[in-house]
PDB file of all heavy atoms in Angstrom:
ATOM      1  N   ALA A   1      20.984 -26.326   2.132  1.00  0.00           N
ATOM      2  CA  ALA A   1      21.737 -27.572   1.993  1.00  0.00           C
ATOM      3  C   ALA A   1      23.234 -27.306   1.965  1.00  0.00           C
ATOM      4  O   ALA A   1      24.029 -28.043   2.534  1.00  0.00           O
ATOM      5  CB  ALA A   1      21.328 -28.297   0.711  1.00  0.00           C
ATOM      6  N   VAL A   2      23.637 -26.243   1.281  1.00  0.00           N
ATOM      7  CA  VAL A   2      25.046 -25.843   1.230  1.00  0.00           C
ATOM      8  C   VAL A   2      25.143 -24.428   1.738  1.00  0.00           C
ATOM      9  O   VAL A   2      24.558 -23.511   1.174  1.00  0.00           O
ATOM     10  CB  VAL A   2      25.602 -25.911  -0.209  1.00  0.00           C
ATOM     11  CG1 VAL A   2      27.055 -25.506  -0.232  1.00  0.00           C
ATOM     12  CG2 VAL A   2      25.445 -27.307  -0.756  1.00  0.00           C
ATOM     13  N   SER A   3      25.876 -24.234   2.818  1.00  0.00           N
ATOM     14  CA  SER A   3      25.999 -22.892   3.367  1.00  0.00           C
ATOM     15  C   SER A   3      26.939 -22.066   2.511  1.00  0.00           C
ATOM     16  O   SER A   3      27.910 -22.565   1.955  1.00  0.00           O
ATOM     17  CB  SER A   3      26.531 -22.948   4.807  1.00  0.00           C
ATOM     18  OG  SER A   3      27.804 -23.549   4.837  1.00  0.00           O
ATOM     19  N   ALA A   4      26.645 -20.776   2.386  1.00  0.00           N
ATOM     20  CA  ALA A   4      27.544 -19.863   1.690  1.00  0.00           C
ATOM     21  C   ALA A   4      28.738 -19.582   2.580  1.00  0.00           C
ATOM     22  O   ALA A   4      28.602 -19.285   3.759  1.00  0.00           O
ATOM     23  CB  ALA A   4      26.809 -18.563   1.371  1.00  0.00           C
ATOM     24  N   LEU A   5      29.924 -19.684   2.010  1.00  0.00           N
ATOM     25  CA  LEU A   5      31.134 -19.471   2.783  1.00  0.00           C
ATOM     26  C   LEU A   5      31.480 -17.999   2.779  1.00  0.00           C
ATOM     27  O   LEU A   5      31.959 -17.454   1.801  1.00  0.00           O
ATOM     28  CB  LEU A   5      32.299 -20.280   2.202  1.00  0.00           C
ATOM     29  CG  LEU A   5      32.115 -21.790   2.258  1.00  0.00           C
ATOM     30  CD1 LEU A   5      33.326 -22.483   1.683  1.00  0.00           C
ATOM     31  CD2 LEU A   5      31.889 -22.240   3.681  1.00  0.00           C
ATOM     32  N   GLY A   6      31.233 -17.339   3.901  1.00  0.00           N
ATOM     33  CA  GLY A   6      31.576 -15.937   3.987  1.00  0.00           C
ATOM     34  C   GLY A   6      30.477 -15.059   3.420  1.00  0.00           C
ATOM     35  O   GLY A   6      29.419 -15.497   3.017  1.00  0.00           O
ATOM     36  N   GLY A   7      30.757 -13.779   3.374  1.00  0.00           N
ATOM     37  CA  GLY A   7      29.782 -12.835   2.876  1.00  0.00           C
ATOM     38  C   GLY A   7      28.711 -12.526   3.907  1.00  0.00           C
ATOM     39  O   GLY A   7      28.638 -13.144   4.953  1.00  0.00           O
ATOM     40  N   VAL A   8      27.890 -11.545   3.599  1.00  0.00           N
ATOM     41  CA  VAL A   8      26.869 -11.094   4.527  1.00  0.00           C
ATOM     42  C   VAL A   8      25.572 -10.862   3.782  1.00  0.00           C
ATOM     43  O   VAL A   8      25.534 -10.157   2.781  1.00  0.00           O
ATOM     44  CB  VAL A   8      27.307  -9.779   5.208  1.00  0.00           C
ATOM     45  CG1 VAL A   8      26.160  -9.230   6.040  1.00  0.00           C
ATOM     46  CG2 VAL A   8      28.519 -10.015   6.089  1.00  0.00           C
ATOM     47  N   ASP A   9      24.528 -11.485   4.252  1.00  0.00           N
ATOM     48  CA  ASP A   9      23.184 -11.229   3.760  1.00  0.00           C
ATOM     49  C   ASP A   9      22.361 -10.838   4.973  1.00  0.00           C
ATOM     50  O   ASP A   9      21.761 -11.688   5.631  1.00  0.00           O
ATOM     51  CB  ASP A   9      22.622 -12.477   3.075  1.00  0.00           C
ATOM     52  CG  ASP A   9      21.217 -12.263   2.539  1.00  0.00           C
ATOM     53  OD1 ASP A   9      20.751 -11.106   2.555  1.00  0.00           O
ATOM     54  OD2 ASP A   9      20.586 -13.244   2.123  1.00  0.00           O
ATOM     55  N   PRO A  10      22.328  -9.533   5.329  1.00  0.00           N
ATOM     56  CA  PRO A  10      21.710  -9.124   6.592  1.00  0.00           C
ATOM     57  C   PRO A  10      20.216  -9.390   6.658  1.00  0.00           C
ATOM     58  O   PRO A  10      19.633  -9.398   7.733  1.00  0.00           O
ATOM     59  CB  PRO A  10      22.016  -7.622   6.658  1.00  0.00           C
ATOM     60  CG  PRO A  10      22.284  -7.210   5.255  1.00  0.00           C
ATOM     61  CD  PRO A  10      22.908  -8.403   4.596  1.00  0.00           C
ATOM     62  N   ILE A  11      19.590  -9.614   5.515  1.00  0.00           N
ATOM     63  CA  ILE A  11      18.147  -9.860   5.508  1.00  0.00           C
ATOM     64  C   ILE A  11      17.837 -11.342   5.693  1.00  0.00           C
ATOM     65  O   ILE A  11      16.693 -11.731   5.902  1.00  0.00           O
ATOM     66  CB  ILE A  11      17.533  -9.332   4.191  1.00  0.00           C
ATOM     67  CG1 ILE A  11      17.960  -7.878   3.953  1.00  0.00           C
ATOM     68  CG2 ILE A  11      16.031  -9.400   4.212  1.00  0.00           C
ATOM     69  CD1 ILE A  11      17.580  -6.931   5.084  1.00  0.00           C
ATOM     70  N   ALA A  12      18.867 -12.199   5.631  1.00  0.00           N
ATOM     71  CA  ALA A  12      18.628 -13.642   5.697  1.00  0.00           C
ATOM     72  C   ALA A  12      17.890 -14.046   6.963  1.00  0.00           C
ATOM     73  O   ALA A  12      17.018 -14.915   6.937  1.00  0.00           O
ATOM     74  CB  ALA A  12      19.956 -14.389   5.593  1.00  0.00           C
ATOM     75  N   ALA A  13      18.223 -13.415   8.093  1.00  0.00           N
ATOM     76  CA  ALA A  13      17.597 -13.778   9.360  1.00  0.00           C
ATOM     77  C   ALA A  13      16.129 -13.391   9.414  1.00  0.00           C
ATOM     78  O   ALA A  13      15.394 -13.839  10.306  1.00  0.00           O
ATOM     79  CB  ALA A  13      18.345 -13.118  10.521  1.00  0.00           C
ATOM     80  N   LEU A  14      15.675 -12.576   8.464  1.00  0.00           N
ATOM     81  CA  LEU A  14      14.288 -12.135   8.468  1.00  0.00           C
ATOM     82  C   LEU A  14      13.403 -13.001   7.593  1.00  0.00           C
ATOM     83  O   LEU A  14      12.182 -12.849   7.597  1.00  0.00           O
ATOM     84  CB  LEU A  14      14.199 -10.683   7.979  1.00  0.00           C
ATOM     85  CG  LEU A  14      15.121  -9.670   8.658  1.00  0.00           C
ATOM     86  CD1 LEU A  14      14.890  -8.288   8.079  1.00  0.00           C
ATOM     87  CD2 LEU A  14      14.893  -9.664  10.160  1.00  0.00           C
ATOM     88  N   ARG A  15      14.006 -13.899   6.808  1.00  0.00           N
ATOM     89  CA  ARG A  15      13.231 -14.721   5.893  1.00  0.00           C
ATOM     90  C   ARG A  15      12.631 -15.914   6.636  1.00  0.00           C
ATOM     91  O   ARG A  15      13.369 -16.698   7.246  1.00  0.00           O
ATOM     92  CB  ARG A  15      14.110 -15.217   4.747  1.00  0.00           C
ATOM     93  CG  ARG A  15      14.661 -14.093   3.876  1.00  0.00           C
ATOM     94  CD  ARG A  15      15.326 -14.649   2.624  1.00  0.00           C
ATOM     95  NE  ARG A  15      15.933 -13.583   1.848  1.00  0.00           N
ATOM     96  CZ  ARG A  15      17.242 -13.369   1.775  1.00  0.00           C
ATOM     97  NH1 ARG A  15      18.085 -14.163   2.408  1.00  0.00           N
ATOM     98  NH2 ARG A  15      17.718 -12.385   1.052  1.00  0.00           N
ATOM     99  N   PRO A  16      11.322 -16.098   6.603  1.00  0.00           N
ATOM    100  CA  PRO A  16      10.710 -17.241   7.295  1.00  0.00           C
ATOM    101  C   PRO A  16      11.265 -18.571   6.784  1.00  0.00           C
ATOM    102  O   PRO A  16      11.465 -18.758   5.580  1.00  0.00           O
ATOM    103  CB  PRO A  16       9.226 -17.090   6.970  1.00  0.00           C
ATOM    104  CG  PRO A  16       9.040 -15.626   6.727  1.00  0.00           C
ATOM    105  CD  PRO A  16      10.303 -15.198   6.028  1.00  0.00           C
ATOM    106  N   ARG A  17      11.505 -19.477   7.721  1.00  0.00           N
ATOM    107  CA  ARG A  17      12.068 -20.784   7.407  1.00  0.00           C
ATOM    108  C   ARG A  17      11.184 -21.861   8.017  1.00  0.00           C
ATOM    109  O   ARG A  17      10.697 -21.710   9.145  1.00  0.00           O
ATOM    110  CB  ARG A  17      13.491 -20.879   7.964  1.00  0.00           C
ATOM    111  CG  ARG A  17      14.261 -22.103   7.509  1.00  0.00           C
ATOM    112  CD  ARG A  17      15.657 -22.107   8.103  1.00  0.00           C
ATOM    113  NE  ARG A  17      16.475 -23.153   7.512  1.00  0.00           N
ATOM    114  CZ  ARG A  17      17.653 -23.540   7.995  1.00  0.00           C
ATOM    115  NH1 ARG A  17      18.156 -22.964   9.073  1.00  0.00           N
ATOM    116  NH2 ARG A  17      18.328 -24.499   7.410  1.00  0.00           N
ATOM    117  N   SER A  18      11.013 -22.950   7.296  1.00  0.00           N
ATOM    118  CA  SER A  18      10.196 -24.058   7.797  1.00  0.00           C
ATOM    119  C   SER A  18      11.083 -25.196   8.288  1.00  0.00           C
ATOM    120  O   SER A  18      12.195 -25.398   7.787  1.00  0.00           O
ATOM    121  CB  SER A  18       9.252 -24.563   6.698  1.00  0.00           C
ATOM    122  OG  SER A  18       8.336 -23.558   6.337  1.00  0.00           O
ATOM    123  N   TYR A  19      10.579 -25.956   9.249  1.00  0.00           N
ATOM    124  CA  TYR A  19      11.323 -27.048   9.870  1.00  0.00           C
ATOM    125  C   TYR A  19      10.483 -28.330   9.798  1.00  0.00           C
ATOM    126  O   TYR A  19       9.269 -28.304  10.007  1.00  0.00           O
ATOM    127  CB  TYR A  19      11.658 -26.706  11.324  1.00  0.00           C
ATOM    128  CG  TYR A  19      12.482 -25.437  11.430  1.00  0.00           C
ATOM    129  CD1 TYR A  19      11.846 -24.200  11.567  1.00  0.00           C
ATOM    130  CD2 TYR A  19      13.860 -25.475  11.354  1.00  0.00           C
ATOM    131  CE1 TYR A  19      12.595 -23.032  11.640  1.00  0.00           C
ATOM    132  CE2 TYR A  19      14.606 -24.317  11.428  1.00  0.00           C
ATOM    133  CZ  TYR A  19      13.967 -23.097  11.561  1.00  0.00           C
ATOM    134  OH  TYR A  19      14.713 -21.936  11.617  1.00  0.00           O
ATOM    135  N   TYR A  20      11.171 -29.442   9.515  1.00  0.00           N
ATOM    136  CA  TYR A  20      10.485 -30.704   9.261  1.00  0.00           C
ATOM    137  C   TYR A  20      11.183 -31.858   9.979  1.00  0.00           C
ATOM    138  O   TYR A  20      12.385 -31.805  10.246  1.00  0.00           O
ATOM    139  CB  TYR A  20      10.485 -31.034   7.758  1.00  0.00           C
ATOM    140  CG  TYR A  20       9.994 -29.947   6.851  1.00  0.00           C
ATOM    141  CD1 TYR A  20      10.877 -28.984   6.354  1.00  0.00           C
ATOM    142  CD2 TYR A  20       8.657 -29.887   6.468  1.00  0.00           C
ATOM    143  CE1 TYR A  20      10.426 -27.976   5.497  1.00  0.00           C
ATOM    144  CE2 TYR A  20       8.198 -28.895   5.613  1.00  0.00           C
ATOM    145  CZ  TYR A  20       9.097 -27.937   5.135  1.00  0.00           C
ATOM    146  OH  TYR A  20       8.659 -26.952   4.286  1.00  0.00           O
ATOM    147  N   LYS A  21      10.407 -32.905  10.226  1.00  0.00           N
ATOM    148  CA  LYS A  21      10.994 -34.205  10.522  1.00  0.00           C
ATOM    149  C   LYS A  21      11.127 -34.955   9.202  1.00  0.00           C
ATOM    150  O   LYS A  21      10.148 -35.090   8.454  1.00  0.00           O
ATOM    151  CB  LYS A  21      10.128 -35.004  11.499  1.00  0.00           C
ATOM    152  CG  LYS A  21      10.444 -34.754  12.962  1.00  0.00           C
ATOM    153  CD  LYS A  21       9.742 -35.764  13.848  1.00  0.00           C
ATOM    154  CE  LYS A  21      10.144 -35.578  15.304  1.00  0.00           C
ATOM    155  NZ  LYS A  21       9.493 -36.589  16.184  1.00  0.00           N
ATOM    156  N   PHE A  22      12.344 -35.418   8.931  1.00  0.00           N
ATOM    157  CA  PHE A  22      12.610 -36.158   7.692  1.00  0.00           C
ATOM    158  C   PHE A  22      12.652 -37.636   8.026  1.00  0.00           C
ATOM    159  O   PHE A  22      13.445 -38.065   8.881  1.00  0.00           O
ATOM    160  CB  PHE A  22      13.939 -35.700   7.089  1.00  0.00           C
ATOM    161  CG  PHE A  22      14.270 -36.324   5.761  1.00  0.00           C
ATOM    162  CD1 PHE A  22      13.903 -35.710   4.582  1.00  0.00           C
ATOM    163  CD2 PHE A  22      14.955 -37.533   5.688  1.00  0.00           C
ATOM    164  CE1 PHE A  22      14.212 -36.269   3.353  1.00  0.00           C
ATOM    165  CE2 PHE A  22      15.270 -38.111   4.475  1.00  0.00           C
ATOM    166  CZ  PHE A  22      14.896 -37.480   3.299  1.00  0.00           C
ATOM    167  N   ASN A  23      11.788 -38.419   7.383  1.00  0.00           N
ATOM    168  CA  ASN A  23      11.730 -39.862   7.608  1.00  0.00           C
ATOM    169  C   ASN A  23      12.827 -40.528   6.785  1.00  0.00           C
ATOM    170  O   ASN A  23      12.790 -40.514   5.555  1.00  0.00           O
ATOM    171  CB  ASN A  23      10.357 -40.405   7.212  1.00  0.00           C
ATOM    172  CG  ASN A  23      10.177 -41.860   7.579  1.00  0.00           C
ATOM    173  OD1 ASN A  23      10.971 -42.712   7.181  1.00  0.00           O
ATOM    174  ND2 ASN A  23       9.128 -42.150   8.343  1.00  0.00           N
ATOM    175  N   LEU A  24      13.815 -41.098   7.458  1.00  0.00           N
ATOM    176  CA  LEU A  24      14.982 -41.656   6.780  1.00  0.00           C
ATOM    177  C   LEU A  24      14.620 -42.864   5.926  1.00  0.00           C
ATOM    178  O   LEU A  24      15.197 -43.078   4.859  1.00  0.00           O
ATOM    179  CB  LEU A  24      16.041 -42.034   7.812  1.00  0.00           C
ATOM    180  CG  LEU A  24      16.637 -40.861   8.600  1.00  0.00           C
ATOM    181  CD1 LEU A  24      17.412 -41.369   9.816  1.00  0.00           C
ATOM    182  CD2 LEU A  24      17.542 -40.021   7.716  1.00  0.00           C
ATOM    183  N   GLU A  25      13.685 -43.664   6.384  1.00  0.00           N
ATOM    184  CA  GLU A  25      13.326 -44.875   5.646  1.00  0.00           C
ATOM    185  C   GLU A  25      12.508 -44.560   4.397  1.00  0.00           C
ATOM    186  O   GLU A  25      12.728 -45.122   3.324  1.00  0.00           O
ATOM    187  CB  GLU A  25      12.546 -45.826   6.545  1.00  0.00           C
ATOM    188  CG  GLU A  25      12.151 -47.125   5.849  1.00  0.00           C
ATOM    189  CD  GLU A  25      11.382 -48.064   6.757  1.00  0.00           C
ATOM    190  OE1 GLU A  25      11.179 -47.725   7.936  1.00  0.00           O
ATOM    191  OE2 GLU A  25      10.969 -49.139   6.271  1.00  0.00           O
ATOM    192  N   LYS A  26      11.594 -43.603   4.505  1.00  0.00           N
ATOM    193  CA  LYS A  26      10.668 -43.324   3.411  1.00  0.00           C
ATOM    194  C   LYS A  26      11.112 -42.163   2.525  1.00  0.00           C
ATOM    195  O   LYS A  26      10.611 -42.005   1.411  1.00  0.00           O
ATOM    196  CB  LYS A  26       9.282 -43.038   3.973  1.00  0.00           C
ATOM    197  CG  LYS A  26       8.669 -44.206   4.735  1.00  0.00           C
ATOM    198  CD  LYS A  26       7.311 -43.834   5.305  1.00  0.00           C
ATOM    199  CE  LYS A  26       6.702 -44.990   6.083  1.00  0.00           C
ATOM    200  NZ  LYS A  26       5.389 -44.620   6.675  1.00  0.00           N
ATOM    201  N   GLY A  27      12.033 -41.313   3.041  1.00  0.00           N
ATOM    202  CA  GLY A  27      12.426 -40.145   2.272  1.00  0.00           C
ATOM    203  C   GLY A  27      11.323 -39.108   2.186  1.00  0.00           C
ATOM    204  O   GLY A  27      11.196 -38.395   1.189  1.00  0.00           O
ATOM    205  N   THR A  28      10.511 -38.992   3.238  1.00  0.00           N
ATOM    206  CA  THR A  28       9.423 -38.017   3.271  1.00  0.00           C
ATOM    207  C   THR A  28       9.660 -37.049   4.420  1.00  0.00           C
ATOM    208  O   THR A  28      10.426 -37.332   5.344  1.00  0.00           O
ATOM    209  CB  THR A  28       8.068 -38.710   3.449  1.00  0.00           C
ATOM    210  OG1 THR A  28       8.088 -39.491   4.667  1.00  0.00           O
ATOM    211  CG2 THR A  28       7.763 -39.621   2.270  1.00  0.00           C
ATOM    212  N   LYS A  29       8.977 -35.928   4.389  1.00  0.00           N
ATOM    213  CA  LYS A  29       9.121 -34.933   5.446  1.00  0.00           C
ATOM    214  C   LYS A  29       7.751 -34.535   5.965  1.00  0.00           C
ATOM    215  O   LYS A  29       6.757 -34.528   5.228  1.00  0.00           O
ATOM    216  CB  LYS A  29       9.871 -33.705   4.923  1.00  0.00           C
ATOM    217  CG  LYS A  29       9.172 -32.973   3.795  1.00  0.00           C
ATOM    218  CD  LYS A  29       9.957 -31.764   3.300  1.00  0.00           C
ATOM    219  CE  LYS A  29       9.140 -31.022   2.225  1.00  0.00           C
ATOM    220  NZ  LYS A  29       9.802 -29.834   1.720  1.00  0.00           N
ATOM    221  N   SER A  30       7.692 -34.205   7.257  1.00  0.00           N
ATOM    222  CA  SER A  30       6.458 -33.733   7.874  1.00  0.00           C
ATOM    223  C   SER A  30       6.761 -32.440   8.620  1.00  0.00           C
ATOM    224  O   SER A  30       7.767 -32.329   9.325  1.00  0.00           O
ATOM    225  CB  SER A  30       5.888 -34.784   8.837  1.00  0.00           C
ATOM    226  OG  SER A  30       6.848 -35.141   9.816  1.00  0.00           O
ATOM    227  N   LEU A  31       5.903 -31.456   8.465  1.00  0.00           N
ATOM    228  CA  LEU A  31       6.127 -30.126   9.022  1.00  0.00           C
ATOM    229  C   LEU A  31       6.048 -30.143  10.546  1.00  0.00           C
ATOM    230  O   LEU A  31       5.126 -30.709  11.127  1.00  0.00           O
ATOM    231  CB  LEU A  31       5.090 -29.151   8.453  1.00  0.00           C
ATOM    232  CG  LEU A  31       5.220 -27.699   8.896  1.00  0.00           C
ATOM    233  CD1 LEU A  31       6.474 -27.067   8.299  1.00  0.00           C
ATOM    234  CD2 LEU A  31       3.977 -26.902   8.471  1.00  0.00           C
ATOM    235  N   ILE A  32       7.048 -29.518  11.171  1.00  0.00           N
ATOM    236  CA  ILE A  32       7.036 -29.318  12.623  1.00  0.00           C
ATOM    237  C   ILE A  32       6.646 -27.884  12.954  1.00  0.00           C
ATOM    238  O   ILE A  32       5.811 -27.629  13.810  1.00  0.00           O
ATOM    239  CB  ILE A  32       8.419 -29.620  13.236  1.00  0.00           C
ATOM    240  CG1 ILE A  32       8.709 -31.110  13.171  1.00  0.00           C
ATOM    241  CG2 ILE A  32       8.503 -29.137  14.675  1.00  0.00           C
ATOM    242  CD1 ILE A  32      10.059 -31.470  13.736  1.00  0.00           C
ATOM    243  N   LEU A  33       7.253 -26.940  12.258  1.00  0.00           N
ATOM    244  CA  LEU A  33       7.047 -25.528  12.563  1.00  0.00           C
ATOM    245  C   LEU A  33       7.323 -24.715  11.309  1.00  0.00           C
ATOM    246  O   LEU A  33       8.331 -24.935  10.632  1.00  0.00           O
ATOM    247  CB  LEU A  33       7.995 -25.097  13.695  1.00  0.00           C
ATOM    248  CG  LEU A  33       7.853 -23.666  14.207  1.00  0.00           C
ATOM    249  CD1 LEU A  33       6.546 -23.491  14.973  1.00  0.00           C
ATOM    250  CD2 LEU A  33       9.035 -23.315  15.116  1.00  0.00           C
ATOM    251  N   ARG A  34       6.438 -23.802  11.009  1.00  0.00           N
ATOM    252  CA  ARG A  34       6.629 -22.918   9.866  1.00  0.00           C
ATOM    253  C   ARG A  34       6.937 -21.510  10.384  1.00  0.00           C
ATOM    254  O   ARG A  34       6.200 -20.958  11.204  1.00  0.00           O
ATOM    255  CB  ARG A  34       5.378 -22.884   8.996  1.00  0.00           C
ATOM    256  CG  ARG A  34       5.589 -22.176   7.650  1.00  0.00           C
ATOM    257  CD  ARG A  34       4.302 -22.134   6.834  1.00  0.00           C
ATOM    258  NE  ARG A  34       3.742 -23.444   6.584  1.00  0.00           N
ATOM    259  CZ  ARG A  34       4.162 -24.260   5.621  1.00  0.00           C
ATOM    260  NH1 ARG A  34       5.178 -23.902   4.849  1.00  0.00           N
ATOM    261  NH2 ARG A  34       3.583 -25.440   5.450  1.00  0.00           N
ATOM    262  N   GLY A  35       8.047 -20.953   9.905  1.00  0.00           N
ATOM    263  CA  GLY A  35       8.401 -19.604  10.297  1.00  0.00           C
ATOM    264  C   GLY A  35       7.370 -18.596   9.820  1.00  0.00           C
ATOM    265  O   GLY A  35       6.736 -18.768   8.781  1.00  0.00           O
ATOM    266  N   THR A  36       7.201 -17.541  10.607  1.00  0.00           N
ATOM    267  CA  THR A  36       6.254 -16.477  10.277  1.00  0.00           C
ATOM    268  C   THR A  36       7.009 -15.155  10.165  1.00  0.00           C
ATOM    269  O   THR A  36       8.191 -15.066  10.500  1.00  0.00           O
ATOM    270  CB  THR A  36       5.181 -16.352  11.361  1.00  0.00           C
ATOM    271  OG1 THR A  36       5.798 -15.922  12.586  1.00  0.00           O
ATOM    272  CG2 THR A  36       4.476 -17.682  11.586  1.00  0.00           C
ATOM    273  N   LEU A  37       6.317 -14.122   9.724  1.00  0.00           N
ATOM    274  CA  LEU A  37       6.956 -12.812   9.656  1.00  0.00           C
ATOM    275  C   LEU A  37       7.344 -12.328  11.050  1.00  0.00           C
ATOM    276  O   LEU A  37       8.339 -11.623  11.216  1.00  0.00           O
ATOM    277  CB  LEU A  37       6.012 -11.810   8.979  1.00  0.00           C
ATOM    278  CG  LEU A  37       5.750 -12.043   7.481  1.00  0.00           C
ATOM    279  CD1 LEU A  37       4.724 -11.038   6.960  1.00  0.00           C
ATOM    280  CD2 LEU A  37       7.046 -11.956   6.684  1.00  0.00           C
ATOM    281  N   GLN A  38       6.559 -12.718  12.067  1.00  0.00           N
ATOM    282  CA  GLN A  38       6.883 -12.297  13.426  1.00  0.00           C
ATOM    283  C   GLN A  38       8.029 -13.118  14.012  1.00  0.00           C
ATOM    284  O   GLN A  38       8.942 -12.574  14.626  1.00  0.00           O
ATOM    285  CB  GLN A  38       5.657 -12.420  14.338  1.00  0.00           C
ATOM    286  CG  GLN A  38       5.931 -11.934  15.765  1.00  0.00           C
ATOM    287  CD  GLN A  38       4.739 -12.096  16.686  1.00  0.00           C
ATOM    288  OE1 GLN A  38       3.741 -12.750  16.325  1.00  0.00           O
ATOM    289  NE2 GLN A  38       4.816 -11.517  17.867  1.00  0.00           N
ATOM    290  N   PHE A  39       7.973 -14.445  13.806  1.00  0.00           N
ATOM    291  CA  PHE A  39       9.026 -15.344  14.286  1.00  0.00           C
ATOM    292  C   PHE A  39       9.568 -16.118  13.088  1.00  0.00           C
ATOM    293  O   PHE A  39       9.173 -17.261  12.840  1.00  0.00           O
ATOM    294  CB  PHE A  39       8.474 -16.309  15.333  1.00  0.00           C
ATOM    295  CG  PHE A  39       7.956 -15.651  16.575  1.00  0.00           C
ATOM    296  CD1 PHE A  39       6.584 -15.608  16.824  1.00  0.00           C
ATOM    297  CD2 PHE A  39       8.817 -15.060  17.481  1.00  0.00           C
ATOM    298  CE1 PHE A  39       6.088 -14.997  17.957  1.00  0.00           C
ATOM    299  CE2 PHE A  39       8.326 -14.445  18.631  1.00  0.00           C
ATOM    300  CZ  PHE A  39       6.964 -14.402  18.863  1.00  0.00           C
TER     301      PHE A  39
END
């Protein structure tokens, strides 16, 4: 939600991240893609 200004976390790109569609009217989220160890 808030990006860190500066600095380096070289492992950050390896941490799986999930992606969602956020419903603006309802304030709910639905999963589109879940990051894996491979991707």
